[in-house]
Amino acid sequence: MTSYELPPLCYIRRRGNCRGDYLYYWTVVFALFYLERQVLTRHCGGCASEASRQTSIAIDFARRIESSVTRAARGRLKKVIAMYPGSFDPPTNGHLDLIARGSKIFDELVVAVLRNAEKAPLFNLPERLHMLEAMTADFKNVRVETFDGLMVDYAAKVKASAVLRGIRAISDYEYELQMALMNRKLQPDLETVFMMPAEQYSYLSSRLVREIAQLGGSVKDLVPELVEQRLKERLDPAIKLANARKLKPRKRG
C-alpha cells in the first residue's frame, strides 16, 4: 500500500492564521478519509455500505471543525469603533443621513458633540444632546456623548480607530484634509473616513438652517421634526411671546 506522509498534527495549533488553520483542517480530514476508504476498498472487498458510513462520519467531523474554526475566526475580528464629531447646532437631516450610513459601516458609532465655551450656540449642550439622542434612538450601535479638548484624545478614550466626516464641496475638502493630516500627525493610528452626503443634503449646513430660521423661513425637510419644533420655540416671536406669558407670574389681586 502506498504510504502518505502528513505534516504533524500539532501544526494545526499554530497561531495567527485562522484561515490557514481552516484549510489545513480540511486537508487533514480528507486525507485521512481517503486513506481509510482505500483500506476499506482493499480489505473489505469493496464494502459499499461501510465506506458510505465512514464517508458520513468524515463529513460530519469536517463540518464540526469548520464550525469551530469559523467561531474562532469571528472571535478574533477586531471591533471597529468610529466617532462622528461636530457641534450639531442644530442637528440637521444631513447629520442624520451620515449617522444612518455610518452605522452600517462601523460596528459602533459615537456621535461626539463638541463642548466649546468660546462660542455662543443657539442651543445649549444638553438641548443638542437630547435632540441627537432622540434622532438616533433607532440605531442600536450609535451612542451620543460630549467632549472637549483635542479630538484625538477623546478618540483614544472611546477606543475609536476612525473618524467619520462629511464632505459637501471643495471648500469642505480643503478644511477637512488639513484637519485629517493634523490628526494623523497627533495620532498615526487614527484614520479619517470621508463620506459624501446624499444629493438632497449636499448644500445643507447648520449655519444655513440657523439663518433661515432666524429670518422666519421654513426649515421643513431640512431638519427632523423635533428640531424644527425646537427652532420655532426658540426663534418664532409669537411662540416666544406666548411662552414668556406662561412663565410670567400673575399678580395677586
Protein backbone atom coordinates (compact mmCIF):
# COMPACT_ATOMS: atom_id res chain seq x y z
CA MET A 1 0.00 0.00 0.00
CA THR A 2 1.27 3.42 -0.84
CA SER A 3 2.37 5.38 2.23
CA TYR A 4 1.30 9.01 2.64
CA GLU A 5 3.22 11.49 4.73
CA LEU A 6 1.19 14.16 6.53
CA PRO A 7 2.60 17.11 8.50
CA PRO A 8 2.48 16.62 12.29
CA LEU A 9 -0.97 17.29 13.78
CA CYS A 10 0.50 19.72 16.29
CA TYR A 11 0.90 22.12 13.35
CA ILE A 12 -2.86 22.61 13.45
CA ARG A 13 -2.47 24.51 16.70
CA ARG A 14 -0.29 27.21 15.20
CA ARG A 15 -1.38 30.77 15.95
CA GLY A 16 -2.11 33.88 13.93
CA ASN A 17 -3.63 32.49 10.71
CA CYS A 18 -7.14 31.20 11.28
CA ARG A 19 -7.87 30.88 7.59
CA GLY A 20 -4.75 28.77 7.15
CA ASP A 21 -5.87 26.59 10.08
CA TYR A 22 -9.22 26.10 8.41
CA LEU A 23 -7.64 24.92 5.14
CA TYR A 24 -5.23 22.65 6.98
CA TYR A 25 -8.07 21.04 8.96
CA TRP A 26 -9.85 20.18 5.75
CA THR A 27 -6.67 18.82 4.20
CA VAL A 28 -6.00 16.52 7.13
CA VAL A 29 -9.61 15.33 7.40
CA PHE A 30 -10.00 14.42 3.75
CA ALA A 31 -6.51 12.91 3.55
CA LEU A 32 -7.41 10.59 6.43
CA PHE A 33 -10.77 9.86 4.86
CA TYR A 34 -9.11 8.99 1.54
CA LEU A 35 -6.62 6.63 3.21
CA GLU A 36 -9.33 4.88 5.21
CA ARG A 37 -11.50 4.48 2.14
CA GLN A 38 -8.57 2.89 0.28
CA VAL A 39 -8.04 0.46 3.14
CA LEU A 40 -11.74 -0.47 3.24
CA THR A 41 -11.84 -0.98 -0.51
CA ARG A 42 -8.85 -3.31 -0.49
CA HIS A 43 -9.51 -5.27 2.71
CA CYS A 44 -13.29 -5.33 2.80
CA GLY A 45 -13.87 -6.47 -0.72
CA GLY A 46 -15.47 -3.15 -1.72
CA CYS A 47 -17.94 -2.92 1.15
CA ALA A 48 -20.05 -0.05 -0.13
CA SER A 49 -22.17 0.31 3.00
CA GLU A 50 -19.18 0.54 5.32
CA ALA A 51 -17.50 3.02 3.02
CA SER A 52 -20.65 5.19 2.96
CA ARG A 53 -20.83 5.10 6.75
CA GLN A 54 -17.23 6.19 7.05
CA THR A 55 -17.85 8.92 4.49
CA SER A 56 -20.72 10.31 6.59
CA ILE A 57 -18.56 10.25 9.71
CA ALA A 58 -15.73 12.10 7.96
CA ILE A 59 -18.04 14.77 6.53
CA ASP A 60 -19.75 15.32 9.90
CA PHE A 61 -16.39 15.62 11.59
CA ALA A 62 -15.23 18.13 8.97
CA ARG A 63 -18.36 20.23 9.44
CA ARG A 64 -17.79 20.36 13.19
CA ILE A 65 -14.24 21.55 12.61
CA GLU A 66 -15.45 24.17 10.14
CA SER A 67 -18.00 25.47 12.65
CA SER A 68 -15.46 25.71 15.48
CA VAL A 69 -12.86 27.41 13.30
CA THR A 70 -15.45 29.90 11.97
CA ARG A 71 -16.44 30.82 15.53
CA ALA A 72 -12.78 31.27 16.43
CA ALA A 73 -12.23 33.50 13.41
CA ARG A 74 -15.19 35.69 14.33
CA GLY A 75 -13.91 35.99 17.86
CA ARG A 76 -10.59 37.29 16.60
CA LEU A 77 -12.09 40.02 14.39
CA LYS A 78 -11.38 43.49 15.73
CA LYS A 79 -14.37 45.62 16.62
CA VAL A 80 -14.23 48.89 14.66
CA ILE A 81 -15.38 51.94 16.61
CA ALA A 82 -15.73 55.28 14.84
CA MET A 83 -16.59 58.73 16.09
CA TYR A 84 -18.55 61.44 14.32
CA PRO A 85 -17.60 64.77 15.92
CA GLY A 86 -19.33 68.11 15.44
CA SER A 87 -21.14 70.98 17.10
CA PHE A 88 -24.59 69.94 15.74
CA ASP A 89 -26.12 73.36 16.37
CA PRO A 90 -28.71 72.40 15.34
CA PRO A 91 -28.70 68.76 14.13
CA THR A 92 -29.86 68.52 10.51
CA ASN A 93 -31.11 65.84 8.14
CA GLY A 94 -27.62 65.88 6.64
CA HIS A 95 -26.19 64.84 10.00
CA LEU A 96 -28.80 62.14 10.36
CA ASP A 97 -28.02 60.83 6.87
CA LEU A 98 -24.33 60.39 7.72
CA ILE A 99 -25.15 58.79 11.07
CA ALA A 100 -27.50 56.27 9.42
CA ARG A 101 -24.97 55.32 6.76
CA GLY A 102 -22.06 55.29 9.20
CA SER A 103 -23.93 52.90 11.50
CA LYS A 104 -23.99 50.37 8.63
CA ILE A 105 -20.24 50.59 8.08
CA PHE A 106 -18.87 50.56 11.62
CA ASP A 107 -19.57 48.19 14.49
CA GLU A 108 -20.10 51.15 16.79
CA LEU A 109 -20.51 54.85 16.06
CA VAL A 110 -20.03 57.53 18.70
CA VAL A 111 -21.68 60.85 17.88
CA ALA A 112 -19.47 63.30 19.76
CA VAL A 113 -20.91 66.74 20.49
CA LEU A 114 -18.22 69.36 20.93
CA ARG A 115 -18.35 71.42 24.12
CA ASN A 116 -16.90 74.81 23.16
CA ALA A 117 -17.11 77.53 25.81
CA GLU A 118 -15.82 80.18 23.40
CA LYS A 119 -18.89 80.06 21.17
CA ALA A 120 -22.43 81.16 21.97
CA PRO A 121 -24.53 78.37 20.44
CA LEU A 122 -28.18 78.64 19.54
CA PHE A 123 -28.90 75.50 21.58
CA ASN A 124 -27.00 74.67 24.73
CA LEU A 125 -25.21 71.36 25.15
CA PRO A 126 -28.00 69.43 26.97
CA GLU A 127 -30.51 70.53 24.31
CA ARG A 128 -28.33 69.33 21.44
CA LEU A 129 -27.62 66.11 23.29
CA HIS A 130 -31.33 65.48 23.83
CA MET A 131 -32.19 66.13 20.16
CA LEU A 132 -29.44 63.82 18.89
CA GLU A 133 -30.39 61.05 21.28
CA ALA A 134 -34.00 61.25 20.09
CA MET A 135 -32.87 61.27 16.43
CA THR A 136 -30.63 58.21 16.84
CA ALA A 137 -32.82 56.16 19.15
CA ASP A 138 -33.47 53.55 16.43
CA PHE A 139 -29.79 52.87 15.81
CA LYS A 140 -28.65 50.21 18.27
CA ASN A 141 -24.93 50.70 17.60
CA VAL A 142 -24.96 54.50 17.90
CA ARG A 143 -24.45 56.45 21.10
CA VAL A 144 -24.25 60.19 21.75
CA GLU A 145 -21.65 61.75 24.03
CA THR A 146 -19.99 65.10 24.63
CA PHE A 147 -16.32 66.03 24.61
CA ASP A 148 -13.95 68.96 24.82
CA GLY A 149 -10.26 69.38 24.19
CA LEU A 150 -8.37 67.54 21.47
CA MET A 151 -10.44 65.17 19.36
CA VAL A 152 -7.60 62.63 19.18
CA ASP A 153 -7.55 62.40 22.98
CA TYR A 154 -11.27 61.72 23.08
CA ALA A 155 -10.92 59.16 20.26
CA ALA A 156 -8.34 57.31 22.32
CA LYS A 157 -10.65 57.45 25.34
CA VAL A 158 -13.52 55.74 23.49
CA LYS A 159 -11.08 53.44 21.61
CA ALA A 160 -12.14 54.80 18.23
CA SER A 161 -9.94 53.84 15.30
CA ALA A 162 -11.69 56.04 12.72
CA VAL A 163 -13.24 59.49 12.42
CA LEU A 164 -16.27 59.95 10.18
CA ARG A 165 -16.53 63.26 8.35
CA GLY A 166 -18.90 64.55 5.67
CA ILE A 167 -17.67 66.49 2.64
CA ARG A 168 -20.14 68.65 0.70
CA ALA A 169 -17.89 70.75 -1.54
CA ILE A 170 -14.29 71.52 -2.46
CA SER A 171 -14.13 74.08 0.34
CA ASP A 172 -15.05 71.35 2.84
CA TYR A 173 -12.37 69.07 1.42
CA GLU A 174 -9.60 71.63 1.89
CA TYR A 175 -10.52 72.18 5.53
CA GLU A 176 -11.15 68.51 6.29
CA LEU A 177 -7.90 67.44 4.61
CA GLN A 178 -5.95 69.84 6.82
CA MET A 179 -7.68 68.53 9.93
CA ALA A 180 -7.21 64.89 8.90
CA LEU A 181 -3.49 65.37 8.32
CA MET A 182 -3.07 67.12 11.67
CA ASN A 183 -4.98 64.36 13.44
CA ARG A 184 -2.76 61.78 11.75
CA LYS A 185 0.29 63.70 12.96
CA LEU A 186 -1.03 63.66 16.53
CA GLN A 187 -2.36 60.09 16.39
CA PRO A 188 -1.00 57.98 13.49
CA ASP A 189 -3.36 55.07 14.21
CA LEU A 190 -6.49 57.21 13.83
CA GLU A 191 -7.94 57.08 10.30
CA THR A 192 -10.32 59.63 8.78
CA VAL A 193 -13.19 58.35 6.62
CA PHE A 194 -14.74 60.92 4.27
CA MET A 195 -18.32 60.37 3.18
CA MET A 196 -20.27 62.26 0.57
CA PRO A 197 -23.75 63.43 1.66
CA ALA A 198 -26.94 62.41 -0.08
CA GLU A 199 -27.74 64.64 -3.04
CA GLN A 200 -30.67 66.34 -1.33
CA TYR A 201 -28.42 67.40 1.56
CA SER A 202 -25.29 68.38 -0.39
CA TYR A 203 -25.89 72.10 0.28
CA LEU A 204 -27.18 71.76 3.84
CA SER A 205 -25.39 73.07 6.93
CA SER A 206 -26.30 74.03 10.47
CA ARG A 207 -25.31 77.63 9.75
CA LEU A 208 -27.76 77.91 6.85
CA VAL A 209 -30.53 76.34 8.92
CA ARG A 210 -29.95 78.85 11.71
CA GLU A 211 -30.01 81.79 9.31
CA ILE A 212 -33.19 80.64 7.60
CA ALA A 213 -34.93 80.03 10.92
CA GLN A 214 -33.81 83.38 12.36
CA LEU A 215 -35.24 85.18 9.33
CA GLY A 216 -38.58 83.41 9.68
CA GLY A 217 -38.15 80.96 6.79
CA SER A 218 -39.32 77.35 6.73
CA VAL A 219 -36.80 74.65 7.61
CA LYS A 220 -39.15 71.78 6.83
CA ASP A 221 -37.33 68.83 5.20
CA LEU A 222 -34.02 70.34 6.30
CA VAL A 223 -34.15 69.12 9.89
CA PRO A 224 -36.07 66.41 11.77
CA GLU A 225 -39.50 67.41 13.11
CA LEU A 226 -38.21 67.58 16.67
CA VAL A 227 -35.50 70.05 15.69
CA GLU A 228 -37.96 72.09 13.63
CA GLN A 229 -40.23 72.42 16.64
CA ARG A 230 -37.33 73.45 18.89
CA LEU A 231 -36.29 76.11 16.37
CA LYS A 232 -39.80 77.53 16.30
CA GLU A 233 -39.93 77.65 20.07
CA ARG A 234 -36.56 79.36 20.20
CA LEU A 235 -36.89 81.84 17.31
CA ASP A 236 -40.55 82.41 16.41
CA PRO A 237 -41.58 85.75 18.01
CA ALA A 238 -45.18 84.69 18.55
CA ILE A 239 -44.20 81.44 20.26
CA LYS A 240 -41.53 83.21 22.33
CA LEU A 241 -44.11 85.74 23.49
CA ALA A 242 -46.63 83.03 24.37
CA ASN A 243 -44.01 81.10 26.34
CA ALA A 244 -42.92 84.27 28.14
CA ARG A 245 -46.52 84.97 29.17
CA LYS A 246 -46.85 81.46 30.54
CA LEU A 247 -43.74 81.87 32.62
CA LYS A 248 -44.65 85.39 33.85
CA PRO A 249 -46.01 85.23 37.41
CA ARG A 250 -49.52 86.57 37.86
CA LYS A 251 -50.12 89.42 40.26
CA ARG A 252 -52.34 88.65 43.16
CA GLY A 253 -55.36 90.91 43.47
